[in-house]
Amino acid sequence: MLTEAQIGGAVIELATSFAAFFPMTGQKYRESNPRTKAGSDSRLKESLRSRATWVASVFFFLYIGVEVALGGWVVTFMRRERAGGDFASGMVATGFWTGITLGRLVLGFVTPRLEEKLAVLVSCEMTTTQTKLPTYSCQLYITFAMVCQLMFWLVPSFHVSAIFVSLQGFFLGPLFPATIVAVTKVLPPYLYVSAIGFAAAFGGGGGAVLPFAIGSLAQAKGVSVLQPIILAVLAVLLSLWFIFPKLNKKAAGEASSEPETKSLKLLNIDFDLVETGRRTINKSRGR
């Protein structure tokens, strides 16, 4: 049964969305974002031929699954495995969702600057557009989330678990919007709606599949299966960032005059060893 707070939130969301997007229509979007190359297929079919769309779709599927599974099953886990009370265990779930909210608010401003610093640390020359692709920072956030998950799993303390669940939510928070940013930096503007819309819809299924799978296993093996499953999915999320397509366009909305070349690389590794060696030699010669 819907509460007054939920109804109020839904009304506010409806009003703000209506005010923000009412002037926009599909025709206006197509006119402002024309295709850069001719084609008979729909924009959705064209976006589905891009590896970025499918990587983002799988990422969203697993990410939303982790988010919903942790937020839903953490209460049961804290009650059964950490001997927590009903109210205290419920507050742990609140801390997790609060961490996600704060992570998206705070790390959203930190990520662009952090990305530039990490690019320097790996001796990677990046263009202005490339530094906006949140590759290294998201890999760092997922790594921190995995460390928090390990602490949540291995330390049998209610208070320690509550703290690290909240921190895990904090580092998981910016991953969803950061993935959307990454897709917009790789694909041309006229494919944004089709690609991101498909990826978000596909990812929504993860919020049903993963919690259901954990629940089925929990009936047979106990709710402790939550921990290794979440850790394994986080490892897969980390690996997906290594196969995310490399940025190959100059800027958003700018069509390249050079013919596109297909790369056979599976891993998105941006280390330019030749250029790094050249800079090192020039420094040693005092140039």
Protein backbone atom coordinates (compact mmCIF):
# COMPACT_ATOMS: atom_id res chain seq x y z
CA MET A 1 0.00 0.00 0.00
CA LEU A 2 1.40 3.38 -1.02
CA THR A 3 2.30 5.74 1.77
CA GLU A 4 1.71 9.48 1.74
CA ALA A 5 5.44 10.10 1.26
CA GLN A 6 5.56 7.84 -1.81
CA ILE A 7 2.52 9.51 -3.34
CA GLY A 8 4.00 12.95 -2.64
CA GLY A 9 7.30 11.97 -4.23
CA ALA A 10 5.54 10.60 -7.29
CA VAL A 11 3.55 13.83 -7.70
CA ILE A 12 6.71 15.95 -7.42
CA GLU A 13 8.52 13.76 -9.96
CA LEU A 14 5.59 13.93 -12.38
CA ALA A 15 5.36 17.72 -12.10
CA THR A 16 9.09 18.36 -12.55
CA SER A 17 9.41 15.89 -15.43
CA PHE A 18 6.38 17.39 -17.16
CA ALA A 19 7.77 20.93 -16.80
CA ALA A 20 11.25 19.93 -17.99
CA PHE A 21 10.38 17.79 -21.00
CA PHE A 22 6.98 19.01 -22.21
CA PRO A 23 8.46 21.33 -24.91
CA MET A 24 10.60 18.49 -26.31
CA THR A 25 9.30 16.19 -29.04
CA GLY A 26 10.78 13.39 -31.08
CA GLN A 27 10.72 15.55 -34.19
CA LYS A 28 12.67 18.34 -32.50
CA TYR A 29 15.25 15.83 -31.28
CA ARG A 30 15.73 14.33 -34.75
CA GLU A 31 16.05 17.79 -36.30
CA SER A 32 18.64 18.93 -33.76
CA ASN A 33 20.57 15.64 -33.98
CA PRO A 34 20.60 14.57 -37.64
CA ARG A 35 22.37 11.42 -38.76
CA THR A 36 25.99 11.90 -39.74
CA LYS A 37 25.88 9.03 -42.22
CA ALA A 38 23.13 7.74 -44.43
CA GLY A 39 21.42 4.48 -43.55
CA SER A 40 18.12 2.71 -44.04
CA ASP A 41 18.02 1.07 -40.60
CA SER A 42 16.34 2.67 -37.63
CA ARG A 43 18.42 4.43 -35.03
CA LEU A 44 17.75 1.62 -32.56
CA LYS A 45 19.10 -1.01 -34.96
CA GLU A 46 22.13 1.15 -35.64
CA SER A 47 22.81 1.61 -31.93
CA LEU A 48 22.53 -2.14 -31.36
CA ARG A 49 25.43 -2.69 -33.76
CA SER A 50 27.67 -0.75 -31.39
CA ARG A 51 29.67 -2.62 -28.75
CA ALA A 52 29.19 0.34 -26.40
CA THR A 53 25.43 -0.26 -26.28
CA TRP A 54 25.80 -3.92 -25.33
CA VAL A 55 28.58 -3.37 -22.80
CA ALA A 56 26.51 -0.65 -21.14
CA SER A 57 23.42 -2.92 -21.21
CA VAL A 58 25.22 -5.79 -19.48
CA PHE A 59 26.82 -3.35 -17.03
CA PHE A 60 23.42 -1.87 -16.11
CA PHE A 61 21.91 -5.35 -15.81
CA LEU A 62 24.51 -6.43 -13.27
CA TYR A 63 24.79 -3.05 -11.54
CA ILE A 64 21.07 -2.68 -10.92
CA GLY A 65 20.99 -6.30 -9.81
CA VAL A 66 23.70 -5.63 -7.21
CA GLU A 67 21.98 -2.43 -6.09
CA VAL A 68 18.56 -4.01 -5.60
CA ALA A 69 19.92 -7.28 -4.16
CA LEU A 70 22.01 -5.52 -1.54
CA GLY A 71 19.31 -3.01 -0.67
CA GLY A 72 16.71 -5.75 -0.33
CA TRP A 73 18.57 -8.64 1.24
CA VAL A 74 20.87 -6.72 3.57
CA VAL A 75 18.09 -6.45 6.19
CA THR A 76 17.61 -10.22 6.29
CA PHE A 77 21.37 -10.75 6.32
CA MET A 78 21.92 -8.39 9.23
CA ARG A 79 19.13 -10.00 11.25
CA ARG A 80 20.21 -13.60 10.68
CA GLU A 81 24.00 -13.36 10.32
CA ARG A 82 24.80 -10.32 12.47
CA ALA A 83 22.11 -10.80 15.15
CA GLY A 84 20.69 -7.35 14.57
CA GLY A 85 17.30 -6.10 15.65
CA ASP A 86 14.51 -5.33 13.22
CA PHE A 87 14.83 -1.55 13.46
CA ALA A 88 18.66 -1.53 13.43
CA SER A 89 18.79 -3.89 10.44
CA GLY A 90 16.32 -1.70 8.58
CA MET A 91 18.50 1.34 9.25
CA VAL A 92 21.42 -0.48 7.60
CA ALA A 93 19.42 -0.60 4.38
CA THR A 94 18.69 3.10 4.80
CA GLY A 95 22.42 3.73 5.19
CA PHE A 96 23.11 1.84 1.97
CA TRP A 97 20.63 3.88 -0.08
CA THR A 98 21.83 7.09 1.59
CA GLY A 99 25.37 6.16 0.58
CA ILE A 100 24.28 5.73 -3.04
CA THR A 101 22.58 9.15 -2.98
CA LEU A 102 25.61 10.89 -1.45
CA GLY A 103 27.96 9.08 -3.83
CA ARG A 104 26.11 10.40 -6.86
CA LEU A 105 26.01 13.90 -5.42
CA VAL A 106 29.60 14.12 -4.19
CA LEU A 107 31.59 11.91 -6.55
CA GLY A 108 29.82 13.38 -9.55
CA PHE A 109 31.89 16.53 -9.00
CA VAL A 110 35.05 14.63 -8.06
CA THR A 111 35.14 12.20 -10.99
CA PRO A 112 36.23 14.62 -13.78
CA ARG A 113 39.17 15.95 -11.75
CA LEU A 114 40.07 12.50 -10.47
CA GLU A 115 40.07 11.16 -14.03
CA GLU A 116 42.71 13.67 -15.09
CA LYS A 117 44.93 12.78 -12.11
CA LEU A 118 44.64 9.04 -12.77
CA ALA A 119 45.42 9.54 -16.44
CA VAL A 120 48.65 11.28 -15.45
CA LEU A 121 49.54 8.46 -13.03
CA VAL A 122 49.36 5.85 -15.80
CA SER A 123 51.36 8.10 -18.17
CA CYS A 124 48.46 8.27 -20.59
CA GLU A 125 48.14 11.22 -22.94
CA MET A 126 44.47 12.09 -23.37
CA THR A 127 42.63 14.76 -25.30
CA THR A 128 40.16 17.10 -23.63
CA THR A 129 37.25 14.90 -24.68
CA GLN A 130 39.01 11.73 -23.59
CA THR A 131 39.68 13.00 -20.06
CA LYS A 132 35.91 13.26 -19.67
CA LEU A 133 35.53 9.53 -20.21
CA PRO A 134 35.31 8.19 -16.61
CA THR A 135 37.26 4.98 -17.17
CA TYR A 136 39.96 4.99 -14.51
CA SER A 137 37.85 6.63 -11.80
CA CYS A 138 35.05 4.06 -12.21
CA GLN A 139 37.55 1.22 -12.05
CA LEU A 140 38.81 2.77 -8.81
CA TYR A 141 35.28 3.12 -7.41
CA ILE A 142 34.46 -0.52 -8.17
CA THR A 143 37.71 -1.61 -6.54
CA PHE A 144 36.83 0.35 -3.39
CA ALA A 145 33.33 -1.19 -3.44
CA MET A 146 34.91 -4.66 -3.62
CA VAL A 147 37.12 -3.85 -0.63
CA CYS A 148 34.04 -2.69 1.31
CA GLN A 149 32.25 -5.88 0.32
CA LEU A 150 35.15 -7.98 1.61
CA MET A 151 35.10 -6.14 4.94
CA PHE A 152 31.32 -6.54 5.13
CA TRP A 153 31.74 -10.26 4.49
CA LEU A 154 34.78 -11.13 6.61
CA VAL A 155 34.29 -8.99 9.73
CA PRO A 156 31.45 -10.52 11.81
CA SER A 157 30.43 -7.31 13.52
CA PHE A 158 27.08 -5.59 13.15
CA HIS A 159 28.47 -2.05 13.38
CA VAL A 160 31.42 -2.72 11.06
CA SER A 161 29.08 -4.31 8.52
CA ALA A 162 26.71 -1.33 8.72
CA ILE A 163 29.55 1.12 8.09
CA PHE A 164 30.99 -0.74 5.12
CA VAL A 165 27.57 -1.32 3.55
CA SER A 166 27.05 2.46 3.57
CA LEU A 167 30.52 3.03 2.12
CA GLN A 168 29.85 0.43 -0.53
CA GLY A 169 26.72 2.32 -1.53
CA PHE A 170 28.76 5.53 -1.66
CA PHE A 171 31.22 4.08 -4.19
CA LEU A 172 28.52 2.33 -6.21
CA GLY A 173 26.46 5.52 -6.51
CA PRO A 174 28.24 7.31 -9.39
CA LEU A 175 28.63 4.23 -11.61
CA PHE A 176 25.23 4.47 -13.30
CA PRO A 177 25.51 8.12 -14.43
CA ALA A 178 29.20 7.65 -15.24
CA THR A 179 28.34 4.82 -17.62
CA ILE A 180 25.80 7.03 -19.36
CA VAL A 181 28.47 9.72 -19.74
CA ALA A 182 30.87 7.15 -21.18
CA VAL A 183 28.29 6.05 -23.76
CA THR A 184 27.66 9.64 -24.84
CA LYS A 185 31.39 10.15 -25.34
CA VAL A 186 31.67 7.11 -27.62
CA LEU A 187 28.49 7.24 -29.69
CA PRO A 188 27.30 10.08 -31.95
CA PRO A 189 24.55 12.32 -30.53
CA TYR A 190 21.77 10.98 -32.76
CA LEU A 191 22.13 7.54 -31.12
CA TYR A 192 22.01 8.73 -27.50
CA VAL A 193 18.31 8.14 -26.91
CA SER A 194 18.21 4.74 -28.64
CA ALA A 195 21.39 3.37 -27.04
CA ILE A 196 20.87 4.66 -23.50
CA GLY A 197 17.15 3.86 -23.57
CA PHE A 198 17.82 0.27 -24.61
CA ALA A 199 20.64 -0.15 -22.08
CA ALA A 200 18.52 1.23 -19.22
CA ALA A 201 15.55 -0.97 -20.16
CA PHE A 202 17.74 -4.05 -20.48
CA GLY A 203 19.47 -3.24 -17.20
CA GLY A 204 16.17 -2.96 -15.36
CA GLY A 205 15.81 -6.73 -15.70
CA GLY A 206 18.82 -7.17 -13.44
CA GLY A 207 16.81 -5.71 -10.57
CA ALA A 208 14.48 -8.70 -10.84
CA VAL A 209 16.81 -11.53 -11.88
CA LEU A 210 19.68 -11.18 -9.39
CA PRO A 211 17.57 -10.71 -6.22
CA PHE A 212 15.42 -13.67 -7.30
CA ALA A 213 18.51 -15.82 -7.87
CA ILE A 214 19.93 -14.88 -4.47
CA GLY A 215 16.58 -15.64 -2.83
CA SER A 216 16.43 -19.06 -4.46
CA LEU A 217 19.94 -19.89 -3.29
CA ALA A 218 19.26 -18.46 0.17
CA GLN A 219 16.42 -20.93 0.68
CA ALA A 220 18.78 -23.83 0.06
CA LYS A 221 22.14 -22.54 1.36
CA GLY A 222 21.26 -19.66 3.66
CA VAL A 223 21.37 -15.89 3.24
CA SER A 224 25.17 -15.93 3.57
CA VAL A 225 25.35 -16.65 -0.18
CA LEU A 226 24.70 -12.92 -0.64
CA GLN A 227 28.32 -12.03 0.02
CA PRO A 228 30.25 -14.16 -2.51
CA ILE A 229 27.65 -13.52 -5.22
CA ILE A 230 27.85 -9.74 -4.83
CA LEU A 231 31.64 -9.86 -4.79
CA ALA A 232 31.72 -11.97 -7.97
CA VAL A 233 29.32 -9.62 -9.77
CA LEU A 234 31.44 -6.62 -8.76
CA ALA A 235 34.47 -8.35 -10.28
CA VAL A 236 32.55 -8.78 -13.54
CA LEU A 237 31.56 -5.10 -13.45
CA LEU A 238 35.21 -4.17 -13.09
CA SER A 239 36.18 -6.33 -16.06
CA LEU A 240 33.48 -4.72 -18.23
CA TRP A 241 35.24 -1.37 -17.98
CA PHE A 242 38.30 -2.93 -19.61
CA ILE A 243 36.31 -3.95 -22.69
CA PHE A 244 34.43 -0.66 -23.01
CA PRO A 245 35.05 0.74 -26.51
CA LYS A 246 37.89 3.19 -26.83
CA LEU A 247 36.95 6.78 -27.50
CA ASN A 248 37.43 7.34 -31.21
CA LYS A 249 35.69 10.58 -32.01
CA LYS A 250 36.91 14.12 -31.67
CA ALA A 251 34.00 15.59 -29.78
CA ALA A 252 30.33 15.05 -29.21
CA GLY A 253 28.36 15.93 -32.30
CA GLU A 254 31.43 16.43 -34.50
CA ALA A 255 31.59 14.18 -37.51
CA SER A 256 35.01 12.98 -38.47
CA SER A 257 36.18 13.63 -42.03
CA GLU A 258 38.43 10.59 -41.93
CA PRO A 259 37.06 7.12 -42.67
CA GLU A 260 36.30 5.05 -39.62
CA THR A 261 38.57 2.11 -38.93
CA LYS A 262 37.47 -0.92 -37.00
CA SER A 263 39.73 -2.07 -34.21
CA LEU A 264 40.17 -5.72 -33.36
CA LYS A 265 41.30 -4.95 -29.85
CA LEU A 266 39.21 -6.54 -27.12
CA LEU A 267 40.71 -4.66 -24.21
CA ASN A 268 40.50 -0.90 -23.95
CA ILE A 269 44.12 -0.27 -22.91
CA ASP A 270 45.24 3.28 -23.52
CA PHE A 271 48.91 3.01 -22.59
CA ASP A 272 51.06 4.54 -25.35
CA LEU A 273 54.41 2.97 -24.54
CA VAL A 274 56.17 4.42 -27.56
CA GLU A 275 55.16 7.97 -26.75
CA THR A 276 55.95 7.46 -23.07
CA GLY A 277 59.44 6.21 -23.95
CA ARG A 278 59.99 9.15 -26.28
CA ARG A 279 59.08 11.65 -23.57
CA THR A 280 61.40 9.90 -21.11
CA ILE A 281 64.33 10.05 -23.57
CA ASN A 282 63.70 13.73 -24.32
CA LYS A 283 63.64 14.52 -20.59
CA SER A 284 66.92 12.71 -20.03
CA ARG A 285 68.50 14.73 -22.86
CA GLY A 286 67.26 17.96 -21.31
CA ARG A 287 64.99 18.93 -24.19
